[in-house]
């Protein structure tokens, strides 16, 4: 009799499909900076021995800035990133990476999955970030707000041997 084998097979087929784990984990952090509660949520890809700039990060083209969905920046109060005024709300962050400068794009569309969803008409604006080489290799893409205080801080993004940054200040 083969009924038990069929039941086991059908039981396995009826099990819910489990979602796959992300290869690049999501991360988020909250910080008070320039008088605002700021949260950033983003995907953190690993270099894994691969060439980062000019390969994983396209040279001179819009990059989703991490893995999977674009990073989301939330701010409870108006703040300034570089020369760009940001009203309270949620925003998608993209970048254009070049050796001599990065351009941070702040978009009203915080739900875009990637560059294919990007629409320049939804930009709040763009601001330059200053890249610099660092001595220690950064294996996993990282976004931080350094030296956060009531007077401001520094939005920094680092991967491989480069960290790019821009000031955050009160408006």
Foldseek 3Di string as FASTA:
>chain_A
DCVVVVVVVVVVVPDDDDDDDDQWDKDKDWDQALNKIKMKIATKHFCVVPDCECPVQNAQDKWLQHDWARMKMAIQAWKDWANAIDGGGIWGWIWHDHPQKIKIWTFPPRPGGIDVPDDNVRTSDIDIWGKDFADDAAGIWDWDFAPGDNAWTWTWIDHGGMITITIMGHD
